[in-house]
Amino acid sequence: AMMYKIEGEDLYLIGTSEHSMIGKFID
């Protein structure tokens, strides 16, 4: 419902900075 995907890339535009902020702690 929310995310825009970058064509040809494994990348999405964030819908909120929470996504990348929580992602900062991955693994």
mmCIF file of all heavy atoms, coordinates in Angstrom:
data_MODEL
# 
_entry.id   MODEL 
# 
loop_
_atom_site.group_PDB 
_atom_site.id 
_atom_site.type_symbol 
_atom_site.label_atom_id 
_atom_site.label_alt_id 
_atom_site.label_comp_id 
_atom_site.label_asym_id 
_atom_site.label_entity_id 
_atom_site.label_seq_id 
_atom_site.pdbx_PDB_ins_code 
_atom_site.Cartn_x 
_atom_site.Cartn_y 
_atom_site.Cartn_z 
_atom_site.occupancy 
_atom_site.B_iso_or_equiv 
_atom_site.pdbx_formal_charge 
_atom_site.auth_seq_id 
_atom_site.auth_comp_id 
_atom_site.auth_asym_id 
_atom_site.auth_atom_id 
_atom_site.pdbx_PDB_model_num 
ATOM 1   N N   . ALA A 1 1  ? 0.800  -1.218  0.000   1.00 0.00 ? 1  ALA A N   1 
ATOM 2   C CA  . ALA A 1 1  ? 0.000  0.000   0.000   1.00 0.00 ? 1  ALA A CA  1 
ATOM 3   C C   . ALA A 1 1  ? 0.834  1.271   0.000   1.00 0.00 ? 1  ALA A C   1 
ATOM 4   O O   . ALA A 1 1  ? 0.367  2.321   -0.434  1.00 0.00 ? 1  ALA A O   1 
ATOM 5   C CB  . ALA A 1 1  ? -0.937 0.011   1.211   1.00 0.00 ? 1  ALA A CB  1 
ATOM 6   N N   . MET A 1 2  ? 2.076  1.189   0.473   1.00 0.00 ? 2  MET A N   1 
ATOM 7   C CA  . MET A 1 2  ? 2.863  2.388   0.711   1.00 0.00 ? 2  MET A CA  1 
ATOM 8   C C   . MET A 1 2  ? 4.059  2.572   -0.201  1.00 0.00 ? 2  MET A C   1 
ATOM 9   O O   . MET A 1 2  ? 4.265  3.649   -0.757  1.00 0.00 ? 2  MET A O   1 
ATOM 10  C CB  . MET A 1 2  ? 3.375  2.395   2.159   1.00 0.00 ? 2  MET A CB  1 
ATOM 11  C CG  . MET A 1 2  ? 4.242  3.592   2.511   1.00 0.00 ? 2  MET A CG  1 
ATOM 12  S SD  . MET A 1 2  ? 5.042  3.488   4.133   1.00 0.00 ? 2  MET A SD  1 
ATOM 13  C CE  . MET A 1 2  ? 3.640  3.475   5.230   1.00 0.00 ? 2  MET A CE  1 
ATOM 14  N N   . MET A 1 3  ? 4.866  1.549   -0.406  1.00 0.00 ? 3  MET A N   1 
ATOM 15  C CA  . MET A 1 3  ? 6.227  1.722   -0.881  1.00 0.00 ? 3  MET A CA  1 
ATOM 16  C C   . MET A 1 3  ? 6.364  1.896   -2.385  1.00 0.00 ? 3  MET A C   1 
ATOM 17  O O   . MET A 1 3  ? 5.711  1.213   -3.174  1.00 0.00 ? 3  MET A O   1 
ATOM 18  C CB  . MET A 1 3  ? 7.086  0.528   -0.449  1.00 0.00 ? 3  MET A CB  1 
ATOM 19  C CG  . MET A 1 3  ? 7.079  0.261   1.057   1.00 0.00 ? 3  MET A CG  1 
ATOM 20  S SD  . MET A 1 3  ? 7.753  1.608   2.034   1.00 0.00 ? 3  MET A SD  1 
ATOM 21  C CE  . MET A 1 3  ? 9.505  1.468   1.654   1.00 0.00 ? 3  MET A CE  1 
ATOM 22  N N   . TYR A 1 4  ? 7.234  2.809   -2.772  1.00 0.00 ? 4  TYR A N   1 
ATOM 23  C CA  . TYR A 1 4  ? 7.659  2.970   -4.157  1.00 0.00 ? 4  TYR A CA  1 
ATOM 24  C C   . TYR A 1 4  ? 8.974  2.213   -4.353  1.00 0.00 ? 4  TYR A C   1 
ATOM 25  O O   . TYR A 1 4  ? 9.937  2.435   -3.621  1.00 0.00 ? 4  TYR A O   1 
ATOM 26  C CB  . TYR A 1 4  ? 7.901  4.437   -4.497  1.00 0.00 ? 4  TYR A CB  1 
ATOM 27  C CG  . TYR A 1 4  ? 6.654  5.268   -4.701  1.00 0.00 ? 4  TYR A CG  1 
ATOM 28  C CD1 . TYR A 1 4  ? 6.276  6.212   -3.766  1.00 0.00 ? 4  TYR A CD1 1 
ATOM 29  C CD2 . TYR A 1 4  ? 5.883  5.121   -5.856  1.00 0.00 ? 4  TYR A CD2 1 
ATOM 30  C CE1 . TYR A 1 4  ? 5.151  7.000   -3.960  1.00 0.00 ? 4  TYR A CE1 1 
ATOM 31  C CE2 . TYR A 1 4  ? 4.755  5.907   -6.048  1.00 0.00 ? 4  TYR A CE2 1 
ATOM 32  C CZ  . TYR A 1 4  ? 4.399  6.840   -5.100  1.00 0.00 ? 4  TYR A CZ  1 
ATOM 33  O OH  . TYR A 1 4  ? 3.287  7.619   -5.297  1.00 0.00 ? 4  TYR A OH  1 
ATOM 34  N N   . LYS A 1 5  ? 9.015  1.351   -5.360  1.00 0.00 ? 5  LYS A N   1 
ATOM 35  C CA  . LYS A 1 5  ? 10.236 0.607   -5.647  1.00 0.00 ? 5  LYS A CA  1 
ATOM 36  C C   . LYS A 1 5  ? 11.029 1.290   -6.755  1.00 0.00 ? 5  LYS A C   1 
ATOM 37  O O   . LYS A 1 5  ? 10.452 1.799   -7.722  1.00 0.00 ? 5  LYS A O   1 
ATOM 38  C CB  . LYS A 1 5  ? 9.925  -0.830  -6.059  1.00 0.00 ? 5  LYS A CB  1 
ATOM 39  C CG  . LYS A 1 5  ? 11.166 -1.712  -6.167  1.00 0.00 ? 5  LYS A CG  1 
ATOM 40  C CD  . LYS A 1 5  ? 10.825 -3.147  -6.500  1.00 0.00 ? 5  LYS A CD  1 
ATOM 41  C CE  . LYS A 1 5  ? 12.070 -4.037  -6.431  1.00 0.00 ? 5  LYS A CE  1 
ATOM 42  N NZ  . LYS A 1 5  ? 13.225 -3.522  -7.175  1.00 0.00 ? 5  LYS A NZ  1 
ATOM 43  N N   . ILE A 1 6  ? 12.355 1.300   -6.604  1.00 0.00 ? 6  ILE A N   1 
ATOM 44  C CA  . ILE A 1 6  ? 13.238 1.828   -7.644  1.00 0.00 ? 6  ILE A CA  1 
ATOM 45  C C   . ILE A 1 6  ? 13.413 0.751   -8.718  1.00 0.00 ? 6  ILE A C   1 
ATOM 46  O O   . ILE A 1 6  ? 13.880 -0.352  -8.429  1.00 0.00 ? 6  ILE A O   1 
ATOM 47  C CB  . ILE A 1 6  ? 14.608 2.222   -7.067  1.00 0.00 ? 6  ILE A CB  1 
ATOM 48  C CG1 . ILE A 1 6  ? 14.449 3.189   -5.889  1.00 0.00 ? 6  ILE A CG1 1 
ATOM 49  C CG2 . ILE A 1 6  ? 15.486 2.838   -8.163  1.00 0.00 ? 6  ILE A CG2 1 
ATOM 50  C CD1 . ILE A 1 6  ? 13.769 4.479   -6.219  1.00 0.00 ? 6  ILE A CD1 1 
ATOM 51  N N   . GLU A 1 7  ? 13.030 1.054   -9.945  1.00 0.00 ? 7  GLU A N   1 
ATOM 52  C CA  . GLU A 1 7  ? 13.085 0.081   -11.023 1.00 0.00 ? 7  GLU A CA  1 
ATOM 53  C C   . GLU A 1 7  ? 14.516 -0.394  -11.270 1.00 0.00 ? 7  GLU A C   1 
ATOM 54  O O   . GLU A 1 7  ? 15.449 0.398   -11.369 1.00 0.00 ? 7  GLU A O   1 
ATOM 55  C CB  . GLU A 1 7  ? 12.511 0.690   -12.312 1.00 0.00 ? 7  GLU A CB  1 
ATOM 56  C CG  . GLU A 1 7  ? 12.367 -0.304  -13.451 1.00 0.00 ? 7  GLU A CG  1 
ATOM 57  C CD  . GLU A 1 7  ? 11.700 0.303   -14.672 1.00 0.00 ? 7  GLU A CD  1 
ATOM 58  O OE1 . GLU A 1 7  ? 11.257 1.472   -14.588 1.00 0.00 ? 7  GLU A OE1 1 
ATOM 59  O OE2 . GLU A 1 7  ? 11.626 -0.391  -15.705 1.00 0.00 ? 7  GLU A OE2 1 
ATOM 60  N N   . GLY A 1 8  ? 14.668 -1.723  -11.352 1.00 0.00 ? 8  GLY A N   1 
ATOM 61  C CA  . GLY A 1 8  ? 15.964 -2.322  -11.640 1.00 0.00 ? 8  GLY A CA  1 
ATOM 62  C C   . GLY A 1 8  ? 16.940 -2.335  -10.482 1.00 0.00 ? 8  GLY A C   1 
ATOM 63  O O   . GLY A 1 8  ? 18.102 -2.725  -10.650 1.00 0.00 ? 8  GLY A O   1 
ATOM 64  N N   . GLU A 1 9  ? 16.493 -1.915  -9.286  1.00 0.00 ? 9  GLU A N   1 
ATOM 65  C CA  . GLU A 1 9  ? 17.364 -1.871  -8.116  1.00 0.00 ? 9  GLU A CA  1 
ATOM 66  C C   . GLU A 1 9  ? 16.671 -2.552  -6.937  1.00 0.00 ? 9  GLU A C   1 
ATOM 67  O O   . GLU A 1 9  ? 15.449 -2.547  -6.840  1.00 0.00 ? 9  GLU A O   1 
ATOM 68  C CB  . GLU A 1 9  ? 17.671 -0.414  -7.724  1.00 0.00 ? 9  GLU A CB  1 
ATOM 69  C CG  . GLU A 1 9  ? 18.317 0.410   -8.820  1.00 0.00 ? 9  GLU A CG  1 
ATOM 70  C CD  . GLU A 1 9  ? 19.791 0.473   -8.729  1.00 0.00 ? 9  GLU A CD  1 
ATOM 71  O OE1 . GLU A 1 9  ? 20.350 -0.139  -7.795  1.00 0.00 ? 9  GLU A OE1 1 
ATOM 72  O OE2 . GLU A 1 9  ? 20.390 1.133   -9.585  1.00 0.00 ? 9  GLU A OE2 1 
ATOM 73  N N   . ASP A 1 10 ? 17.454 -3.110  -6.043  1.00 0.00 ? 10 ASP A N   1 
ATOM 74  C CA  . ASP A 1 10 ? 16.907 -3.631  -4.795  1.00 0.00 ? 10 ASP A CA  1 
ATOM 75  C C   . ASP A 1 10 ? 16.831 -2.483  -3.785  1.00 0.00 ? 10 ASP A C   1 
ATOM 76  O O   . ASP A 1 10 ? 17.466 -2.496  -2.736  1.00 0.00 ? 10 ASP A O   1 
ATOM 77  C CB  . ASP A 1 10 ? 17.767 -4.773  -4.255  1.00 0.00 ? 10 ASP A CB  1 
ATOM 78  C CG  . ASP A 1 10 ? 17.180 -5.365  -2.957  1.00 0.00 ? 10 ASP A CG  1 
ATOM 79  O OD1 . ASP A 1 10 ? 15.947 -5.301  -2.783  1.00 0.00 ? 10 ASP A OD1 1 
ATOM 80  O OD2 . ASP A 1 10 ? 17.970 -5.861  -2.120  1.00 0.00 ? 10 ASP A OD2 1 
ATOM 81  N N   . LEU A 1 11 ? 16.020 -1.491  -4.123  1.00 0.00 ? 11 LEU A N   1 
ATOM 82  C CA  . LEU A 1 11 ? 15.883 -0.304  -3.296  1.00 0.00 ? 11 LEU A CA  1 
ATOM 83  C C   . LEU A 1 11 ? 14.445 0.195   -3.332  1.00 0.00 ? 11 LEU A C   1 
ATOM 84  O O   . LEU A 1 11 ? 13.782 0.139   -4.366  1.00 0.00 ? 11 LEU A O   1 
ATOM 85  C CB  . LEU A 1 11 ? 16.820 0.812   -3.764  1.00 0.00 ? 11 LEU A CB  1 
ATOM 86  C CG  . LEU A 1 11 ? 18.313 0.656   -3.478  1.00 0.00 ? 11 LEU A CG  1 
ATOM 87  C CD1 . LEU A 1 11 ? 19.109 1.723   -4.202  1.00 0.00 ? 11 LEU A CD1 1 
ATOM 88  C CD2 . LEU A 1 11 ? 18.598 0.716   -1.973  1.00 0.00 ? 11 LEU A CD2 1 
ATOM 89  N N   . TYR A 1 12 ? 13.993 0.690   -2.175  1.00 0.00 ? 12 TYR A N   1 
ATOM 90  C CA  . TYR A 1 12 ? 12.679 1.302   -2.043  1.00 0.00 ? 12 TYR A CA  1 
ATOM 91  C C   . TYR A 1 12 ? 12.828 2.696   -1.429  1.00 0.00 ? 12 TYR A C   1 
ATOM 92  O O   . TYR A 1 12 ? 13.677 2.907   -0.561  1.00 0.00 ? 12 TYR A O   1 
ATOM 93  C CB  . TYR A 1 12 ? 11.776 0.471   -1.128  1.00 0.00 ? 12 TYR A CB  1 
ATOM 94  C CG  . TYR A 1 12 ? 11.337 -0.855  -1.703  1.00 0.00 ? 12 TYR A CG  1 
ATOM 95  C CD1 . TYR A 1 12 ? 12.183 -1.952  -1.706  1.00 0.00 ? 12 TYR A CD1 1 
ATOM 96  C CD2 . TYR A 1 12 ? 10.059 -1.012  -2.223  1.00 0.00 ? 12 TYR A CD2 1 
ATOM 97  C CE1 . TYR A 1 12 ? 11.780 -3.179  -2.223  1.00 0.00 ? 12 TYR A CE1 1 
ATOM 98  C CE2 . TYR A 1 12 ? 9.636  -2.234  -2.734  1.00 0.00 ? 12 TYR A CE2 1 
ATOM 99  C CZ  . TYR A 1 12 ? 10.509 -3.309  -2.729  1.00 0.00 ? 12 TYR A CZ  1 
ATOM 100 O OH  . TYR A 1 12 ? 10.093 -4.523  -3.234  1.00 0.00 ? 12 TYR A OH  1 
ATOM 101 N N   . LEU A 1 13 ? 12.003 3.648   -1.878  1.00 0.00 ? 13 LEU A N   1 
ATOM 102 C CA  . LEU A 1 13 ? 11.927 4.947   -1.226  1.00 0.00 ? 13 LEU A CA  1 
ATOM 103 C C   . LEU A 1 13 ? 11.224 4.779   0.110   1.00 0.00 ? 13 LEU A C   1 
ATOM 104 O O   . LEU A 1 13 ? 10.206 4.088   0.198   1.00 0.00 ? 13 LEU A O   1 
ATOM 105 C CB  . LEU A 1 13 ? 11.159 5.942   -2.094  1.00 0.00 ? 13 LEU A CB  1 
ATOM 106 C CG  . LEU A 1 13 ? 11.809 6.356   -3.423  1.00 0.00 ? 13 LEU A CG  1 
ATOM 107 C CD1 . LEU A 1 13 ? 10.824 7.182   -4.246  1.00 0.00 ? 13 LEU A CD1 1 
ATOM 108 C CD2 . LEU A 1 13 ? 13.084 7.151   -3.170  1.00 0.00 ? 13 LEU A CD2 1 
ATOM 109 N N   . ILE A 1 14 ? 11.746 5.402   1.153   1.00 0.00 ? 14 ILE A N   1 
ATOM 110 C CA  . ILE A 1 14 ? 11.152 5.228   2.477   1.00 0.00 ? 14 ILE A CA  1 
ATOM 111 C C   . ILE A 1 14 ? 9.812  5.946   2.583   1.00 0.00 ? 14 ILE A C   1 
ATOM 112 O O   . ILE A 1 14 ? 9.610  7.022   2.025   1.00 0.00 ? 14 ILE A O   1 
ATOM 113 C CB  . ILE A 1 14 ? 12.084 5.699   3.609   1.00 0.00 ? 14 ILE A CB  1 
ATOM 114 C CG1 . ILE A 1 14 ? 12.442 7.181   3.458   1.00 0.00 ? 14 ILE A CG1 1 
ATOM 115 C CG2 . ILE A 1 14 ? 13.334 4.828   3.666   1.00 0.00 ? 14 ILE A CG2 1 
ATOM 116 C CD1 . ILE A 1 14 ? 13.184 7.737   4.683   1.00 0.00 ? 14 ILE A CD1 1 
ATOM 117 N N   . GLY A 1 15 ? 8.879  5.324   3.306   1.00 0.00 ? 15 GLY A N   1 
ATOM 118 C CA  . GLY A 1 15 ? 7.599  5.954   3.591   1.00 0.00 ? 15 GLY A CA  1 
ATOM 119 C C   . GLY A 1 15 ? 7.639  6.755   4.872   1.00 0.00 ? 15 GLY A C   1 
ATOM 120 O O   . GLY A 1 15 ? 6.777  7.588   5.139   1.00 0.00 ? 15 GLY A O   1 
ATOM 121 N N   . THR A 1 16 ? 8.662  6.498   5.692   1.00 0.00 ? 16 THR A N   1 
ATOM 122 C CA  . THR A 1 16 ? 8.928  7.195   6.939   1.00 0.00 ? 16 THR A CA  1 
ATOM 123 C C   . THR A 1 16 ? 10.348 6.864   7.349   1.00 0.00 ? 16 THR A C   1 
ATOM 124 O O   . THR A 1 16 ? 10.841 5.761   7.062   1.00 0.00 ? 16 THR A O   1 
ATOM 125 C CB  . THR A 1 16 ? 7.940  6.794   8.057   1.00 0.00 ? 16 THR A CB  1 
ATOM 126 O OG1 . THR A 1 16 ? 8.430  7.248   9.325   1.00 0.00 ? 16 THR A OG1 1 
ATOM 127 C CG2 . THR A 1 16 ? 7.751  5.298   8.119   1.00 0.00 ? 16 THR A CG2 1 
ATOM 128 N N   . SER A 1 17 ? 11.022 7.779   8.027   1.00 0.00 ? 17 SER A N   1 
ATOM 129 C CA  . SER A 1 17 ? 12.413 7.519   8.391   1.00 0.00 ? 17 SER A CA  1 
ATOM 130 C C   . SER A 1 17 ? 12.540 6.427   9.450   1.00 0.00 ? 17 SER A C   1 
ATOM 131 O O   . SER A 1 17 ? 13.631 5.899   9.678   1.00 0.00 ? 17 SER A O   1 
ATOM 132 C CB  . SER A 1 17 ? 13.099 8.796   8.875   1.00 0.00 ? 17 SER A CB  1 
ATOM 133 O OG  . SER A 1 17 ? 12.472 9.323   10.027  1.00 0.00 ? 17 SER A OG  1 
ATOM 134 N N   . GLU A 1 18 ? 11.430 6.076   10.102  1.00 0.00 ? 18 GLU A N   1 
ATOM 135 C CA  . GLU A 1 18 ? 11.467 4.940   11.023  1.00 0.00 ? 18 GLU A CA  1 
ATOM 136 C C   . GLU A 1 18 ? 12.037 3.702   10.346  1.00 0.00 ? 18 GLU A C   1 
ATOM 137 O O   . GLU A 1 18 ? 12.767 2.919   10.958  1.00 0.00 ? 18 GLU A O   1 
ATOM 138 C CB  . GLU A 1 18 ? 10.053 4.649   11.547  1.00 0.00 ? 18 GLU A CB  1 
ATOM 139 C CG  . GLU A 1 18 ? 9.916  3.349   12.318  1.00 0.00 ? 18 GLU A CG  1 
ATOM 140 C CD  . GLU A 1 18 ? 8.787  2.473   11.803  1.00 0.00 ? 18 GLU A CD  1 
ATOM 141 O OE1 . GLU A 1 18 ? 7.814  3.011   11.271  1.00 0.00 ? 18 GLU A OE1 1 
ATOM 142 O OE2 . GLU A 1 18 ? 8.882  1.232   11.953  1.00 0.00 ? 18 GLU A OE2 1 
ATOM 143 N N   . HIS A 1 19 ? 11.704 3.527   9.053   1.00 0.00 ? 19 HIS A N   1 
ATOM 144 C CA  . HIS A 1 19 ? 12.156 2.340   8.332   1.00 0.00 ? 19 HIS A CA  1 
ATOM 145 C C   . HIS A 1 19 ? 13.675 2.228   8.310   1.00 0.00 ? 19 HIS A C   1 
ATOM 146 O O   . HIS A 1 19 ? 14.249 1.195   8.653   1.00 0.00 ? 19 HIS A O   1 
ATOM 147 C CB  . HIS A 1 19 ? 11.620 2.358   6.892   1.00 0.00 ? 19 HIS A CB  1 
ATOM 148 C CG  . HIS A 1 19 ? 10.135 2.317   6.802   1.00 0.00 ? 19 HIS A CG  1 
ATOM 149 N ND1 . HIS A 1 19 ? 9.443  2.767   5.709   1.00 0.00 ? 19 HIS A ND1 1 
ATOM 150 C CD2 . HIS A 1 19 ? 9.201  1.889   7.687   1.00 0.00 ? 19 HIS A CD2 1 
ATOM 151 C CE1 . HIS A 1 19 ? 8.157  2.608   5.905   1.00 0.00 ? 19 HIS A CE1 1 
ATOM 152 N NE2 . HIS A 1 19 ? 7.981  2.085   7.100   1.00 0.00 ? 19 HIS A NE2 1 
ATOM 153 N N   . SER A 1 20 ? 14.338 3.288   7.900   1.00 0.00 ? 20 SER A N   1 
ATOM 154 C CA  . SER A 1 20 ? 15.797 3.233   7.834   1.00 0.00 ? 20 SER A CA  1 
ATOM 155 C C   . SER A 1 20 ? 16.429 3.379   9.218   1.00 0.00 ? 20 SER A C   1 
ATOM 156 O O   . SER A 1 20 ? 17.531 2.868   9.449   1.00 0.00 ? 20 SER A O   1 
ATOM 157 C CB  . SER A 1 20 ? 16.346 4.300   6.877   1.00 0.00 ? 20 SER A CB  1 
ATOM 158 O OG  . SER A 1 20 ? 15.789 5.547   7.084   1.00 0.00 ? 20 SER A OG  1 
ATOM 159 N N   . MET A 1 21 ? 15.752 4.031   10.157  1.00 0.00 ? 21 MET A N   1 
ATOM 160 C CA  . MET A 1 21 ? 16.305 4.182   11.499  1.00 0.00 ? 21 MET A CA  1 
ATOM 161 C C   . MET A 1 21 ? 16.329 2.851   12.255  1.00 0.00 ? 21 MET A C   1 
ATOM 162 O O   . MET A 1 21 ? 17.308 2.515   12.917  1.00 0.00 ? 21 MET A O   1 
ATOM 163 C CB  . MET A 1 21 ? 15.511 5.228   12.285  1.00 0.00 ? 21 MET A CB  1 
ATOM 164 C CG  . MET A 1 21 ? 15.692 6.653   11.776  1.00 0.00 ? 21 MET A CG  1 
ATOM 165 S SD  . MET A 1 21 ? 17.415 7.177   11.795  1.00 0.00 ? 21 MET A SD  1 
ATOM 166 C CE  . MET A 1 21 ? 17.759 7.087   13.543  1.00 0.00 ? 21 MET A CE  1 
ATOM 167 N N   . ILE A 1 22 ? 15.249 2.084   12.167  1.00 0.00 ? 22 ILE A N   1 
ATOM 168 C CA  . ILE A 1 22 ? 15.245 0.752   12.767  1.00 0.00 ? 22 ILE A CA  1 
ATOM 169 C C   . ILE A 1 22 ? 16.182 -0.163  11.980  1.00 0.00 ? 22 ILE A C   1 
ATOM 170 O O   . ILE A 1 22 ? 16.903 -0.983  12.551  1.00 0.00 ? 22 ILE A O   1 
ATOM 171 C CB  . ILE A 1 22 ? 13.820 0.169   12.813  1.00 0.00 ? 22 ILE A CB  1 
ATOM 172 C CG1 . ILE A 1 22 ? 12.912 1.043   13.690  1.00 0.00 ? 22 ILE A CG1 1 
ATOM 173 C CG2 . ILE A 1 22 ? 13.840 -1.266  13.340  1.00 0.00 ? 22 ILE A CG2 1 
ATOM 174 C CD1 . ILE A 1 22 ? 13.315 1.137   15.140  1.00 0.00 ? 22 ILE A CD1 1 
ATOM 175 N N   . GLY A 1 23 ? 16.186 -0.012  10.659  1.00 0.00 ? 23 GLY A N   1 
ATOM 176 C CA  . GLY A 1 23 ? 17.089 -0.792  9.817   1.00 0.00 ? 23 GLY A CA  1 
ATOM 177 C C   . GLY A 1 23 ? 18.554 -0.576  10.155  1.00 0.00 ? 23 GLY A C   1 
ATOM 178 O O   . GLY A 1 23 ? 19.391 -1.435  9.878   1.00 0.00 ? 23 GLY A O   1 
ATOM 179 N N   . LYS A 1 24 ? 18.874 0.561   10.740  1.00 0.00 ? 24 LYS A N   1 
ATOM 180 C CA  . LYS A 1 24 ? 20.254 0.858   11.145  1.00 0.00 ? 24 LYS A CA  1 
ATOM 181 C C   . LYS A 1 24 ? 20.831 -0.235  12.044  1.00 0.00 ? 24 LYS A C   1 
ATOM 182 O O   . LYS A 1 24 ? 22.036 -0.472  12.055  1.00 0.00 ? 24 LYS A O   1 
ATOM 183 C CB  . LYS A 1 24 ? 20.297 2.209   11.882  1.00 0.00 ? 24 LYS A CB  1 
ATOM 184 C CG  . LYS A 1 24 ? 21.652 2.665   12.373  1.00 0.00 ? 24 LYS A CG  1 
ATOM 185 C CD  . LYS A 1 24 ? 21.537 4.036   13.038  1.00 0.00 ? 24 LYS A CD  1 
ATOM 186 C CE  . LYS A 1 24 ? 22.895 4.595   13.423  1.00 0.00 ? 24 LYS A CE  1 
ATOM 187 N NZ  . LYS A 1 24 ? 23.582 3.773   14.444  1.00 0.00 ? 24 LYS A NZ  1 
ATOM 188 N N   . PHE A 1 25 ? 19.974 -0.929  12.760  1.00 0.00 ? 25 PHE A N   1 
ATOM 189 C CA  . PHE A 1 25 ? 20.423 -1.915  13.734  1.00 0.00 ? 25 PHE A CA  1 
ATOM 190 C C   . PHE A 1 25 ? 20.338 -3.351  13.220  1.00 0.00 ? 25 PHE A C   1 
ATOM 191 O O   . PHE A 1 25 ? 20.502 -4.298  13.993  1.00 0.00 ? 25 PHE A O   1 
ATOM 192 C CB  . PHE A 1 25 ? 19.595 -1.781  15.022  1.00 0.00 ? 25 PHE A CB  1 
ATOM 193 C CG  . PHE A 1 25 ? 19.723 -0.436  15.680  1.00 0.00 ? 25 PHE A CG  1 
ATOM 194 C CD1 . PHE A 1 25 ? 18.801 0.573   15.426  1.00 0.00 ? 25 PHE A CD1 1 
ATOM 195 C CD2 . PHE A 1 25 ? 20.770 -0.170  16.542  1.00 0.00 ? 25 PHE A CD2 1 
ATOM 196 C CE1 . PHE A 1 25 ? 18.923 1.817   16.030  1.00 0.00 ? 25 PHE A CE1 1 
ATOM 197 C CE2 . PHE A 1 25 ? 20.902 1.070   17.152  1.00 0.00 ? 25 PHE A CE2 1 
ATOM 198 C CZ  . PHE A 1 25 ? 19.972 2.064   16.893  1.00 0.00 ? 25 PHE A CZ  1 
ATOM 199 N N   . ILE A 1 26 ? 20.101 -3.538  11.926  1.00 0.00 ? 26 ILE A N   1 
ATOM 200 C CA  . ILE A 1 26 ? 19.945 -4.879  11.361  1.00 0.00 ? 26 ILE A CA  1 
ATOM 201 C C   . ILE A 1 26 ? 21.191 -5.731  11.612  1.00 0.00 ? 26 ILE A C   1 
ATOM 202 O O   . ILE A 1 26 ? 22.326 -5.260  11.506  1.00 0.00 ? 26 ILE A O   1 
ATOM 203 C CB  . ILE A 1 26 ? 19.636 -4.793  9.843   1.00 0.00 ? 26 ILE A CB  1 
ATOM 204 C CG1 . ILE A 1 26 ? 19.278 -6.177  9.276   1.00 0.00 ? 26 ILE A CG1 1 
ATOM 205 C CG2 . ILE A 1 26 ? 20.790 -4.168  9.064   1.00 0.00 ? 26 ILE A CG2 1 
ATOM 206 C CD1 . ILE A 1 26 ? 18.743 -6.125  7.849   1.00 0.00 ? 26 ILE A CD1 1 
ATOM 207 N N   . ASP A 1 27 ? 20.948 -6.984  11.980  1.00 0.00 ? 27 ASP A N   1 
ATOM 208 C CA  . ASP A 1 27 ? 22.027 -7.959  12.200  1.00 0.00 ? 27 ASP A CA  1 
ATOM 209 C C   . ASP A 1 27 ? 23.070 -7.462  13.201  1.00 0.00 ? 27 ASP A C   1 
ATOM 210 O O   . ASP A 1 27 ? 24.279 -7.593  12.989  1.00 0.00 ? 27 ASP A O   1 
ATOM 211 C CB  . ASP A 1 27 ? 22.722 -8.316  10.877  1.00 0.00 ? 27 ASP A CB  1 
ATOM 212 C CG  . ASP A 1 27 ? 21.846 -9.160  9.976   1.00 0.00 ? 27 ASP A CG  1 
ATOM 213 O OD1 . ASP A 1 27 ? 21.095 -10.000 10.485  1.00 0.00 ? 27 ASP A OD1 1 
ATOM 214 O OD2 . ASP A 1 27 ? 21.908 -8.968  8.744   1.00 0.00 ? 27 ASP A OD2 1 
# 
